[in-house]
N, C-alpha and C. Protein backbone atom coordinates (compact mmCIF):
# COMPACT_ATOMS: atom_id res chain seq x y z
N MET A 1 94.39 106.27 103.00
CA MET A 1 93.57 105.86 101.88
C MET A 1 93.01 104.44 102.08
N ALA A 2 93.82 103.57 102.67
CA ALA A 2 93.35 102.21 102.91
C ALA A 2 92.15 102.21 103.85
N GLU A 3 92.17 103.09 104.86
CA GLU A 3 91.05 103.19 105.79
C GLU A 3 89.78 103.63 105.07
N ILE A 4 89.90 104.59 104.19
CA ILE A 4 88.74 105.09 103.44
C ILE A 4 88.17 103.97 102.57
N ASN A 5 89.03 103.19 101.94
CA ASN A 5 88.55 102.08 101.12
C ASN A 5 87.82 101.05 101.96
N LYS A 6 88.32 100.75 103.16
CA LYS A 6 87.63 99.81 104.04
C LYS A 6 86.26 100.34 104.42
N ILE A 7 86.20 101.61 104.75
CA ILE A 7 84.93 102.23 105.14
C ILE A 7 83.94 102.19 103.99
N LEU A 8 84.39 102.55 102.79
CA LEU A 8 83.50 102.53 101.64
C LEU A 8 83.00 101.13 101.33
N ARG A 9 83.86 100.12 101.47
CA ARG A 9 83.42 98.74 101.25
C ARG A 9 82.36 98.35 102.27
N LEU A 10 82.57 98.74 103.52
CA LEU A 10 81.61 98.42 104.57
C LEU A 10 80.27 99.11 104.32
N CYS A 11 80.31 100.39 103.98
CA CYS A 11 79.08 101.14 103.70
C CYS A 11 78.37 100.58 102.47
N THR A 12 79.14 100.25 101.45
CA THR A 12 78.55 99.71 100.22
C THR A 12 77.91 98.36 100.50
N SER A 13 78.56 97.55 101.33
CA SER A 13 78.01 96.25 101.68
C SER A 13 76.65 96.40 102.38
N CYS A 14 76.56 97.33 103.32
CA CYS A 14 75.29 97.58 104.01
C CYS A 14 74.23 98.07 103.04
N LEU A 15 74.61 98.97 102.17
CA LEU A 15 73.67 99.52 101.20
C LEU A 15 73.17 98.43 100.26
N MET A 16 74.06 97.60 99.77
CA MET A 16 73.66 96.53 98.85
C MET A 16 72.75 95.52 99.54
N SER A 17 73.02 95.22 100.80
CA SER A 17 72.15 94.31 101.55
C SER A 17 70.73 94.86 101.63
N LEU A 18 70.63 96.15 101.91
CA LEU A 18 69.31 96.77 102.00
C LEU A 18 68.62 96.78 100.64
N LEU A 19 69.36 97.09 99.60
CA LEU A 19 68.77 97.12 98.26
C LEU A 19 68.25 95.75 97.85
N ILE A 20 69.04 94.73 98.09
CA ILE A 20 68.65 93.38 97.69
C ILE A 20 67.42 92.93 98.46
N SER A 21 67.39 93.24 99.77
CA SER A 21 66.28 92.76 100.58
C SER A 21 64.99 93.55 100.37
N SER A 22 65.09 94.79 99.90
CA SER A 22 63.88 95.61 99.83
C SER A 22 63.40 95.94 98.42
N SER A 23 64.24 95.75 97.41
CA SER A 23 63.85 96.24 96.09
C SER A 23 63.11 95.21 95.25
N ASN A 24 63.38 93.93 95.44
CA ASN A 24 62.76 92.89 94.62
C ASN A 24 62.86 93.21 93.13
N GLY A 25 64.00 93.74 92.73
CA GLY A 25 64.22 94.04 91.32
C GLY A 25 63.65 95.37 90.85
N LYS A 26 62.98 96.11 91.72
CA LYS A 26 62.40 97.39 91.34
C LYS A 26 63.35 98.52 91.74
N GLN A 27 63.27 99.61 91.03
CA GLN A 27 64.04 100.79 91.42
C GLN A 27 63.37 101.40 92.63
N ILE A 28 64.17 101.73 93.64
CA ILE A 28 63.59 102.32 94.85
C ILE A 28 64.22 103.68 95.11
N LYS A 29 63.47 104.52 95.78
CA LYS A 29 63.97 105.81 96.22
C LYS A 29 64.15 105.75 97.72
N PHE A 30 65.25 106.28 98.18
CA PHE A 30 65.51 106.28 99.61
C PHE A 30 64.88 107.49 100.26
N ILE A 31 64.31 107.24 101.41
CA ILE A 31 63.81 108.33 102.24
C ILE A 31 64.70 108.37 103.48
N GLU A 32 64.56 109.40 104.27
CA GLU A 32 65.43 109.56 105.43
C GLU A 32 65.35 108.36 106.37
N GLU A 33 64.19 107.76 106.48
CA GLU A 33 64.02 106.58 107.33
C GLU A 33 64.91 105.43 106.85
N ASP A 34 65.04 105.28 105.53
CA ASP A 34 65.90 104.24 104.97
C ASP A 34 67.36 104.49 105.34
N PHE A 35 67.78 105.75 105.25
CA PHE A 35 69.14 106.09 105.63
C PHE A 35 69.37 105.81 107.11
N ASP A 36 68.39 106.12 107.94
CA ASP A 36 68.51 105.85 109.37
C ASP A 36 68.70 104.36 109.64
N LYS A 37 67.96 103.52 108.92
CA LYS A 37 68.09 102.07 109.08
C LYS A 37 69.49 101.61 108.68
N MET A 38 69.98 102.11 107.55
CA MET A 38 71.32 101.73 107.09
C MET A 38 72.38 102.17 108.09
N ILE A 39 72.23 103.36 108.62
CA ILE A 39 73.20 103.88 109.59
C ILE A 39 73.17 103.05 110.86
N ASN A 40 71.97 102.71 111.34
CA ASN A 40 71.87 101.89 112.55
C ASN A 40 72.52 100.53 112.36
N VAL A 41 72.28 99.90 111.22
CA VAL A 41 72.89 98.60 110.94
C VAL A 41 74.41 98.74 110.86
N SER A 42 74.87 99.75 110.16
CA SER A 42 76.31 99.97 110.02
C SER A 42 76.99 100.19 111.36
N LEU A 43 76.41 101.04 112.19
CA LEU A 43 77.02 101.34 113.48
C LEU A 43 76.99 100.14 114.42
N GLY A 44 76.11 99.20 114.15
CA GLY A 44 76.05 97.98 114.95
C GLY A 44 77.17 97.00 114.66
N MET A 45 77.90 97.23 113.60
CA MET A 45 79.01 96.35 113.22
C MET A 45 80.31 96.84 113.85
N LYS A 46 80.31 96.92 115.17
CA LYS A 46 81.43 97.52 115.90
C LYS A 46 82.78 96.87 115.62
N PRO A 47 82.87 95.54 115.58
CA PRO A 47 84.18 94.95 115.32
C PRO A 47 84.76 95.34 113.95
N LEU A 48 83.89 95.48 112.96
CA LEU A 48 84.36 95.86 111.63
C LEU A 48 84.88 97.30 111.63
N TRP A 49 84.16 98.19 112.31
CA TRP A 49 84.61 99.58 112.39
C TRP A 49 85.92 99.68 113.15
N GLU A 50 86.01 98.94 114.24
CA GLU A 50 87.25 98.98 115.02
C GLU A 50 88.42 98.47 114.20
N ASN A 51 88.19 97.44 113.41
CA ASN A 51 89.24 96.91 112.54
C ASN A 51 89.65 97.93 111.49
N ALA A 52 88.69 98.65 110.96
CA ALA A 52 88.97 99.62 109.90
C ALA A 52 89.58 100.91 110.43
N LEU A 53 89.10 101.39 111.58
CA LEU A 53 89.48 102.72 112.05
C LEU A 53 90.19 102.76 113.39
N GLY A 54 90.21 101.65 114.10
CA GLY A 54 90.86 101.62 115.41
C GLY A 54 89.87 101.77 116.54
N LYS A 55 90.41 101.73 117.76
CA LYS A 55 89.56 101.73 118.96
C LYS A 55 88.70 102.99 119.11
N ASP A 56 89.14 104.10 118.58
CA ASP A 56 88.37 105.36 118.67
C ASP A 56 87.49 105.59 117.44
N TRP A 57 87.07 104.53 116.81
CA TRP A 57 86.31 104.64 115.56
C TRP A 57 85.04 105.47 115.72
N GLU A 58 84.41 105.43 116.90
CA GLU A 58 83.15 106.15 117.10
C GLU A 58 83.33 107.66 117.06
N LYS A 59 84.54 108.12 117.32
CA LYS A 59 84.83 109.55 117.22
C LYS A 59 85.05 109.96 115.76
N ILE A 60 85.43 108.99 114.95
CA ILE A 60 85.72 109.25 113.53
C ILE A 60 84.47 109.08 112.68
N MET A 61 83.78 107.96 112.87
CA MET A 61 82.63 107.63 112.04
C MET A 61 81.35 107.93 112.80
N THR A 62 80.85 109.13 112.63
CA THR A 62 79.63 109.57 113.29
C THR A 62 78.42 109.26 112.41
N ARG A 63 77.24 109.39 112.98
CA ARG A 63 76.00 109.22 112.20
C ARG A 63 75.98 110.20 111.03
N GLU A 64 76.43 111.42 111.30
CA GLU A 64 76.43 112.45 110.26
C GLU A 64 77.37 112.09 109.12
N LYS A 65 78.54 111.56 109.46
CA LYS A 65 79.52 111.18 108.44
C LYS A 65 78.97 110.01 107.60
N LEU A 66 78.34 109.04 108.28
CA LEU A 66 77.74 107.93 107.53
C LEU A 66 76.63 108.42 106.61
N ARG A 67 75.81 109.34 107.09
CA ARG A 67 74.71 109.87 106.26
C ARG A 67 75.28 110.52 105.01
N GLU A 68 76.36 111.27 105.20
CA GLU A 68 77.01 111.93 104.07
C GLU A 68 77.55 110.89 103.07
N LEU A 69 78.19 109.84 103.58
CA LEU A 69 78.72 108.80 102.71
C LEU A 69 77.62 108.06 101.96
N TYR A 70 76.55 107.68 102.68
CA TYR A 70 75.43 107.00 102.03
C TYR A 70 74.77 107.89 100.99
N GLY A 71 74.69 109.17 101.25
CA GLY A 71 74.12 110.09 100.28
C GLY A 71 74.92 110.13 98.98
N LYS A 72 76.22 109.94 99.08
CA LYS A 72 77.08 109.94 97.90
C LYS A 72 77.00 108.64 97.11
N LEU A 73 76.66 107.55 97.81
CA LEU A 73 76.55 106.25 97.12
C LEU A 73 75.28 106.22 96.31
């Protein structure tokens, strides 16, 4: 459960960064390209993922899994 909470905090942090930088106070709708950008940024944070999930984090946190998580947020 602690690992899931770390992952959700990391994903939420990436999502909030994107929202703050792109929304300028307006409501925005995400398109698939936006999700791709968030996923790319998230996967680039390798030390954070390794800290949260261990050395084999890339086998656990795939692009598909991140897309699913971002879709739920």
